[in-house]
Protein backbone atom coordinates (compact mmCIF):
# COMPACT_ATOMS: atom_id res chain seq x y z
CA UNK A 1 3.95 64.11 -88.46
CA UNK A 2 2.18 67.46 -88.26
CA UNK A 3 2.75 68.02 -92.01
CA UNK A 4 1.08 64.69 -92.74
CA UNK A 5 -1.79 65.57 -90.43
CA UNK A 6 -2.25 68.95 -92.12
CA UNK A 7 -2.21 67.29 -95.52
CA UNK A 8 -4.85 64.77 -94.40
CA UNK A 9 -6.96 67.60 -93.01
CA UNK A 10 -6.78 69.49 -96.32
CA UNK A 11 -7.75 66.35 -98.24
CA UNK A 12 -10.67 65.77 -95.87
CA UNK A 13 -11.87 69.35 -96.31
CA UNK A 14 -11.54 68.95 -100.09
CA UNK A 15 -13.94 66.02 -100.02
CA UNK A 16 -16.33 67.66 -97.57
CA UNK A 17 -16.38 71.10 -99.22
CA UNK A 18 -18.85 70.23 -102.05
CA UNK A 19 -21.36 68.92 -99.52
CA UNK A 20 -20.91 72.05 -97.38
CA UNK A 21 -21.50 74.32 -100.39
CA UNK A 22 -24.62 72.39 -101.43
CA UNK A 23 -26.01 72.41 -97.89
CA UNK A 24 -25.29 76.12 -97.53
CA UNK A 25 -27.09 76.87 -100.79
CA UNK A 26 -30.03 74.62 -99.93
CA UNK A 27 -30.42 75.64 -96.27
CA UNK A 28 -28.79 78.97 -95.54
CA UNK A 29 -30.18 80.85 -98.53
CA UNK A 30 -33.87 80.13 -97.66
CA UNK A 31 -33.21 81.09 -94.03
CA UNK A 32 -31.53 84.36 -95.00
CA UNK A 33 -34.35 85.08 -97.46
CA UNK A 34 -36.97 84.45 -94.77
CA UNK A 35 -35.26 86.78 -92.31
CA UNK A 36 -34.91 89.42 -95.03
CA UNK A 37 -38.57 89.10 -96.01
CA UNK A 38 -39.57 89.75 -92.40
CA UNK A 39 -38.46 93.37 -92.83
CA UNK A 40 -40.83 93.95 -95.77
CA UNK A 41 -44.55 94.05 -96.44
CA UNK A 42 -45.23 92.01 -99.55
CA UNK A 43 -48.07 89.93 -100.96
CA UNK A 44 -47.81 87.01 -103.37
CA UNK A 45 -48.61 87.80 -106.98
CA UNK A 46 -47.10 91.27 -106.82
CA UNK A 47 -43.61 92.18 -108.08
CA UNK A 48 -40.85 92.29 -105.50
CA UNK A 49 -40.24 95.89 -106.57
CA UNK A 50 -43.56 96.80 -104.91
CA UNK A 51 -42.48 95.37 -101.55
CA UNK A 52 -42.50 98.06 -98.87
CA UNK A 53 -39.82 98.35 -96.19
CA UNK A 54 -41.43 97.83 -92.78
CA UNK A 55 -38.42 97.56 -90.52
CA UNK A 56 -39.15 95.72 -87.29
CA UNK A 57 -42.90 96.30 -87.55
CA UNK A 58 -43.68 92.75 -88.70
CA UNK A 59 -41.58 91.27 -85.88
CA UNK A 60 -43.23 93.50 -83.28
CA UNK A 61 -46.74 92.70 -84.48
CA UNK A 62 -46.01 89.00 -84.86
CA UNK A 63 -44.49 88.59 -81.40
CA UNK A 64 -47.22 90.58 -79.65
CA UNK A 65 -50.10 88.82 -81.41
CA UNK A 66 -51.95 86.48 -79.00
CA UNK A 67 -52.63 83.96 -81.79
CA UNK A 68 -48.88 83.40 -82.26
CA UNK A 69 -48.28 82.53 -78.63
CA UNK A 70 -51.48 80.48 -78.50
CA UNK A 71 -50.30 78.40 -81.46
CA UNK A 72 -46.86 78.06 -79.87
CA UNK A 73 -48.48 76.79 -76.66
CA UNK A 74 -50.56 74.34 -78.73
CA UNK A 75 -47.36 73.16 -80.40
CA UNK A 76 -45.66 72.66 -77.04
CA UNK A 77 -48.58 70.60 -75.73
CA UNK A 78 -48.80 68.56 -78.92
CA UNK A 79 -45.06 67.87 -79.00
CA UNK A 80 -44.79 66.95 -75.31
CA UNK A 81 -47.74 64.53 -75.30
CA UNK A 82 -47.13 62.87 -78.66
CA UNK A 83 -43.36 62.51 -78.31
CA UNK A 84 -43.64 61.13 -74.76
CA UNK A 85 -46.12 58.50 -75.93
CA UNK A 86 -44.02 57.65 -78.99
CA UNK A 87 -40.89 57.20 -76.90
CA UNK A 88 -42.67 54.92 -74.42
CA UNK A 89 -44.35 52.81 -77.13
CA UNK A 90 -41.27 52.66 -79.35
CA UNK A 91 -39.00 51.53 -76.52
CA UNK A 92 -41.58 48.99 -75.35
CA UNK A 93 -42.02 47.49 -78.82
CA UNK A 94 -38.27 47.34 -79.39
CA UNK A 95 -37.72 45.50 -76.12
CA UNK A 96 -40.62 43.13 -76.85
CA UNK A 97 -39.19 42.19 -80.26
CA UNK A 98 -35.56 42.09 -79.19
CA UNK A 99 -35.30 38.37 -78.54
CA UNK A 100 -35.72 35.40 -80.87
CA UNK A 101 -39.46 35.57 -81.52
CA UNK A 102 -41.22 33.62 -84.24
CA UNK A 103 -42.22 35.96 -87.08
CA UNK A 104 -40.01 38.72 -85.72
CA UNK A 105 -39.05 40.01 -89.18
CA UNK A 106 -42.70 40.23 -90.24
CA UNK A 107 -43.64 42.11 -87.07
CA UNK A 108 -40.82 44.61 -87.55
CA UNK A 109 -41.83 45.20 -91.16
CA UNK A 110 -45.45 45.83 -90.18
CA UNK A 111 -44.42 48.25 -87.44
CA UNK A 112 -42.42 50.48 -89.77
CA UNK A 113 -45.08 50.69 -92.52
CA UNK A 114 -46.89 53.76 -91.06
CA UNK A 115 -43.69 55.79 -91.25
CA UNK A 116 -43.51 55.16 -95.01
CA UNK A 117 -46.99 56.56 -95.71
CA UNK A 118 -47.12 60.13 -97.06
CA UNK A 119 -48.33 62.67 -94.45
CA UNK A 120 -51.22 63.78 -96.69
CA UNK A 121 -52.38 60.17 -96.96
CA UNK A 122 -52.08 59.79 -93.19
CA UNK A 123 -54.24 62.86 -92.64
CA UNK A 124 -56.91 61.66 -95.09
CA UNK A 125 -56.93 58.17 -93.60
CA UNK A 126 -57.43 59.38 -90.06
CA UNK A 127 -59.98 61.97 -91.20
CA UNK A 128 -62.13 59.13 -92.55
CA UNK A 129 -61.52 57.01 -89.45
CA UNK A 130 -62.63 59.87 -87.17
CA UNK A 131 -65.68 60.76 -89.30
CA UNK A 132 -68.66 61.29 -86.99
CA UNK A 133 -71.16 59.37 -89.16
CA UNK A 134 -69.23 56.80 -91.14
CA UNK A 135 -65.90 56.54 -89.29
CA UNK A 136 -64.57 53.16 -88.23
CA UNK A 137 -63.67 54.42 -84.76
CA UNK A 138 -67.25 55.38 -83.91
CA UNK A 139 -68.43 52.07 -85.40
CA UNK A 140 -66.12 50.16 -83.06
CA UNK A 141 -67.23 52.27 -80.11
CA UNK A 142 -70.84 51.51 -81.01
CA UNK A 143 -70.19 47.78 -80.69
CA UNK A 144 -69.32 48.41 -77.02
CA UNK A 145 -72.37 50.61 -76.50
CA UNK A 146 -70.49 53.91 -76.57
CA UNK A 147 -72.29 56.77 -78.29
CA UNK A 148 -70.78 58.19 -81.46
CA UNK A 149 -68.53 61.20 -80.91
CA UNK A 150 -67.79 64.19 -83.09
CA UNK A 151 -64.07 63.71 -82.93
CA UNK A 152 -63.13 66.57 -85.22
CA UNK A 153 -65.88 68.92 -84.02
CA UNK A 154 -64.90 68.97 -80.34
CA UNK A 155 -61.80 70.90 -79.25
CA UNK A 156 -60.43 68.33 -76.80
CA UNK A 157 -61.29 65.36 -79.01
CA UNK A 158 -59.77 67.01 -82.09
CA UNK A 159 -56.56 67.63 -80.18
CA UNK A 160 -56.54 63.97 -79.13
CA UNK A 161 -57.14 62.99 -82.77
CA UNK A 162 -54.03 64.74 -84.10
CA UNK A 163 -51.96 63.21 -81.31
CA UNK A 164 -53.26 59.71 -82.12
CA UNK A 165 -52.43 60.20 -85.81
CA UNK A 166 -48.92 61.42 -85.01
CA UNK A 167 -48.28 58.54 -82.60
CA UNK A 168 -49.43 56.03 -85.21
CA UNK A 169 -47.12 57.46 -87.86
CA UNK A 170 -43.95 58.16 -85.90
CA UNK A 171 -43.73 55.51 -83.18
CA UNK A 172 -42.03 53.26 -85.80
CA UNK A 173 -39.19 55.79 -86.04
CA UNK A 174 -38.49 55.44 -82.32
CA UNK A 175 -38.81 51.68 -82.68
CA UNK A 176 -36.19 51.53 -85.44
CA UNK A 177 -33.73 53.74 -83.56
CA UNK A 178 -34.04 51.74 -80.34
CA UNK A 179 -33.75 48.41 -82.15
CA UNK A 180 -30.55 49.63 -83.80
CA UNK A 181 -29.19 50.82 -80.46
CA UNK A 182 -30.00 47.53 -78.70
CA UNK A 183 -28.32 45.56 -81.48
CA UNK A 184 -25.02 47.29 -80.64
CA UNK A 185 -25.12 46.56 -76.92
CA UNK A 186 -22.10 44.53 -75.83
CA UNK A 187 -23.28 40.99 -75.23
CA UNK A 188 -20.52 40.29 -72.70
CA UNK A 189 -21.91 42.98 -70.40
CA UNK A 190 -25.39 41.47 -70.60
CA UNK A 191 -23.98 38.01 -69.90
CA UNK A 192 -22.13 39.34 -66.87
CA UNK A 193 -25.38 40.88 -65.61
CA UNK A 194 -27.15 37.53 -66.04
CA UNK A 195 -24.42 35.72 -64.13
CA UNK A 196 -24.82 38.26 -61.33
CA UNK A 197 -28.49 37.29 -61.15
CA UNK A 198 -30.02 40.37 -62.75
CA UNK A 199 -33.63 39.86 -63.78
CA UNK A 200 -35.15 41.18 -67.03
CA UNK A 201 -36.46 44.41 -65.49
CA UNK A 202 -33.21 45.17 -63.69
CA UNK A 203 -31.14 44.35 -66.77
CA UNK A 204 -33.33 46.57 -68.93
CA UNK A 205 -33.41 49.58 -66.61
CA UNK A 206 -29.87 49.33 -65.22
CA UNK A 207 -27.90 47.96 -68.19
CA UNK A 208 -29.57 48.10 -71.60
CA UNK A 209 -31.26 51.51 -71.54
CA UNK A 210 -28.31 53.32 -69.90
CA UNK A 211 -26.00 51.86 -72.55
CA UNK A 212 -28.13 53.32 -75.36
CA UNK A 213 -28.86 56.59 -73.55
CA UNK A 214 -27.19 58.61 -76.32
CA UNK A 215 -29.42 56.93 -78.92
CA UNK A 216 -32.51 57.67 -76.85
CA UNK A 217 -31.45 61.30 -76.43
CA UNK A 218 -30.92 61.82 -80.15
CA UNK A 219 -34.21 60.08 -80.97
CA UNK A 220 -36.06 62.23 -78.45
CA UNK A 221 -34.72 65.51 -79.77
CA UNK A 222 -35.21 64.51 -83.42
CA UNK A 223 -38.84 63.72 -82.71
CA UNK A 224 -39.28 67.01 -80.85
CA UNK A 225 -37.89 68.90 -83.84
CA UNK A 226 -40.24 67.06 -86.21
CA UNK A 227 -43.18 67.66 -83.88
CA UNK A 228 -42.52 71.39 -83.94
CA UNK A 229 -42.51 71.32 -87.75
CA UNK A 230 -45.62 69.16 -88.24
CA UNK A 231 -48.02 70.58 -90.82
CA UNK A 232 -49.49 68.26 -93.45
CA UNK A 233 -51.35 65.81 -91.21
CA UNK A 234 -52.97 68.55 -89.12
CA UNK A 235 -53.71 70.59 -92.26
CA UNK A 236 -55.71 67.71 -93.74
CA UNK A 237 -57.17 66.38 -90.51
CA UNK A 238 -58.48 69.53 -88.80
CA UNK A 239 -56.97 72.62 -90.52
CA UNK A 240 -56.37 73.94 -87.01
CA UNK A 241 -59.97 73.64 -85.91
CA UNK A 242 -62.36 73.62 -84.29
CA UNK A 243 -61.57 77.23 -83.57
CA UNK A 244 -57.83 77.31 -83.06
CA UNK A 245 -57.61 74.29 -80.75
CA UNK A 246 -55.28 72.35 -83.06
CA UNK A 247 -53.55 75.26 -84.78
CA UNK A 248 -49.85 74.58 -84.31
CA UNK A 249 -47.25 77.24 -85.07
CA UNK A 250 -46.33 75.91 -88.52
CA UNK A 251 -49.99 75.91 -89.56
CA UNK A 252 -50.41 79.45 -88.23
CA UNK A 253 -47.44 80.49 -90.37
CA UNK A 254 -49.07 78.87 -93.41
CA UNK A 255 -52.37 80.66 -92.81
CA UNK A 256 -50.65 84.00 -92.26
CA UNK A 257 -48.66 83.66 -95.48
CA UNK A 258 -51.09 82.09 -97.95
CA UNK A 259 -54.51 83.02 -96.59
CA UNK A 260 -53.79 86.34 -94.92
CA UNK A 261 -51.23 87.25 -97.63
CA UNK A 262 -48.92 88.67 -94.96
CA UNK A 263 -45.63 87.20 -96.04
CA UNK A 264 -43.57 89.58 -93.94
CA UNK A 265 -45.42 88.65 -90.76
CA UNK A 266 -45.25 84.94 -91.66
CA UNK A 267 -41.50 85.21 -92.14
CA UNK A 268 -41.15 86.96 -88.79
CA UNK A 269 -43.07 84.17 -87.07
CA UNK A 270 -41.00 81.55 -88.90
CA UNK A 271 -37.89 83.09 -87.33
CA UNK A 272 -39.41 82.28 -83.93
CA UNK A 273 -39.97 78.69 -85.04
CA UNK A 274 -36.42 78.59 -86.40
CA UNK A 275 -35.06 79.75 -83.04
CA UNK A 276 -36.92 76.97 -81.22
CA UNK A 277 -35.71 74.32 -83.70
CA UNK A 278 -32.13 75.64 -83.43
CA UNK A 279 -32.21 75.25 -79.66
CA UNK A 280 -33.46 71.68 -80.02
CA UNK A 281 -30.78 70.98 -82.62
CA UNK A 282 -28.12 72.31 -80.26
CA UNK A 283 -29.45 69.98 -77.58
CA UNK A 284 -29.23 67.08 -80.05
CA UNK A 285 -25.59 67.85 -80.78
CA UNK A 286 -24.76 68.10 -77.09
CA UNK A 287 -26.57 64.89 -76.22
CA UNK A 288 -24.98 63.02 -79.11
CA UNK A 289 -21.53 63.78 -77.70
CA UNK A 290 -21.58 62.92 -73.98
CA UNK A 291 -17.81 63.58 -73.80
CA UNK A 292 -18.23 67.24 -74.80
CA UNK A 293 -18.82 68.44 -71.25
CA UNK A 294 -15.91 66.44 -69.82
CA UNK A 295 -13.56 67.66 -72.53
CA UNK A 296 -14.73 71.23 -72.07
CA UNK A 297 -13.96 71.09 -68.36
CA UNK A 298 -10.33 70.11 -68.92
C-alpha cells in the first residue's frame, strides 16, 4: 500500500512540478532581484556595470527615513478603514440578496461591475466625480444646500476620497466571496435552527456566519493584502497629495524609484512591503486551515 501511495505522490508531483517551476520563475526571480538591487546604487538609463555597491546603506537610509514610516502609517489607516467598510457592506449585501428576490440575478450582476473596471479608469472616474468645480458629488451636495468642497485639495477629504473609491471598487469582491460561502451552507442545519425557533438575526449571527468563518477570514486577509499593494487608483486620483496625506507605501516606492531615481532605496523599501504582505499571506494560510492548530497540538 505504501508503494502505491509513493507512486501516486510521484505522479502528483510530476503534474504539479511545471506549475511550481513557472511560479518560481515568475515570482521568486523578481523578489530575489529586488533584494539584490537593494545593495546597490543604480539609476535607470545607466548600464548595470555602473551600479555601485552600497551594502546595507540603502536599507539603513530607507528604514530611518520618516517619509517611509509615514507612508506605512497611511497605508495601515487606509487598509483598516476601507477593508472594514468593505467587509461590512459586502456581508450585508450578500445576506440581503441571499433569498429568492425578484431580479436577484440582475442585482448581483450590477454589484460586481465595479470590480471589472480597470483601476486607472476607476481613478479617472472618481477624479472627475470629486472635481471641485464640475464634479457630480458637489453638484448633488449643492441640491441639499451644502457648499462645494475641494475634495482633492483638503488632506482629510482627499483621504476620504481614496477610501470611497476603494470601497466602491472592491466591495463586490467581498460580496462574491460571501455569496459563494452562503451557497454552501448545509440547509439541514438552517432548517433545524428554524424548527428551534431561531429568528433571522440569531440564525445569521449564530449559524450562517460562523459556518462560513473560514471564507470570511480568507476574504479579509486577501483584501488586506490588496489594500497594502494599492497604487493605480491613488496615483491617478491624488498622486499622494495634498502633501503626503494619501501617499501609501507602494506609491512612495514608485516615487523613490522613478522620480527620485533611487532604485536601490526603492528596492529596500519594497522589501519592507514584501515582509508585511508575507505576514498577511501566512495569516491567510493559517486561517484557511482551521485544523492546523489542532493537528499541530497532537
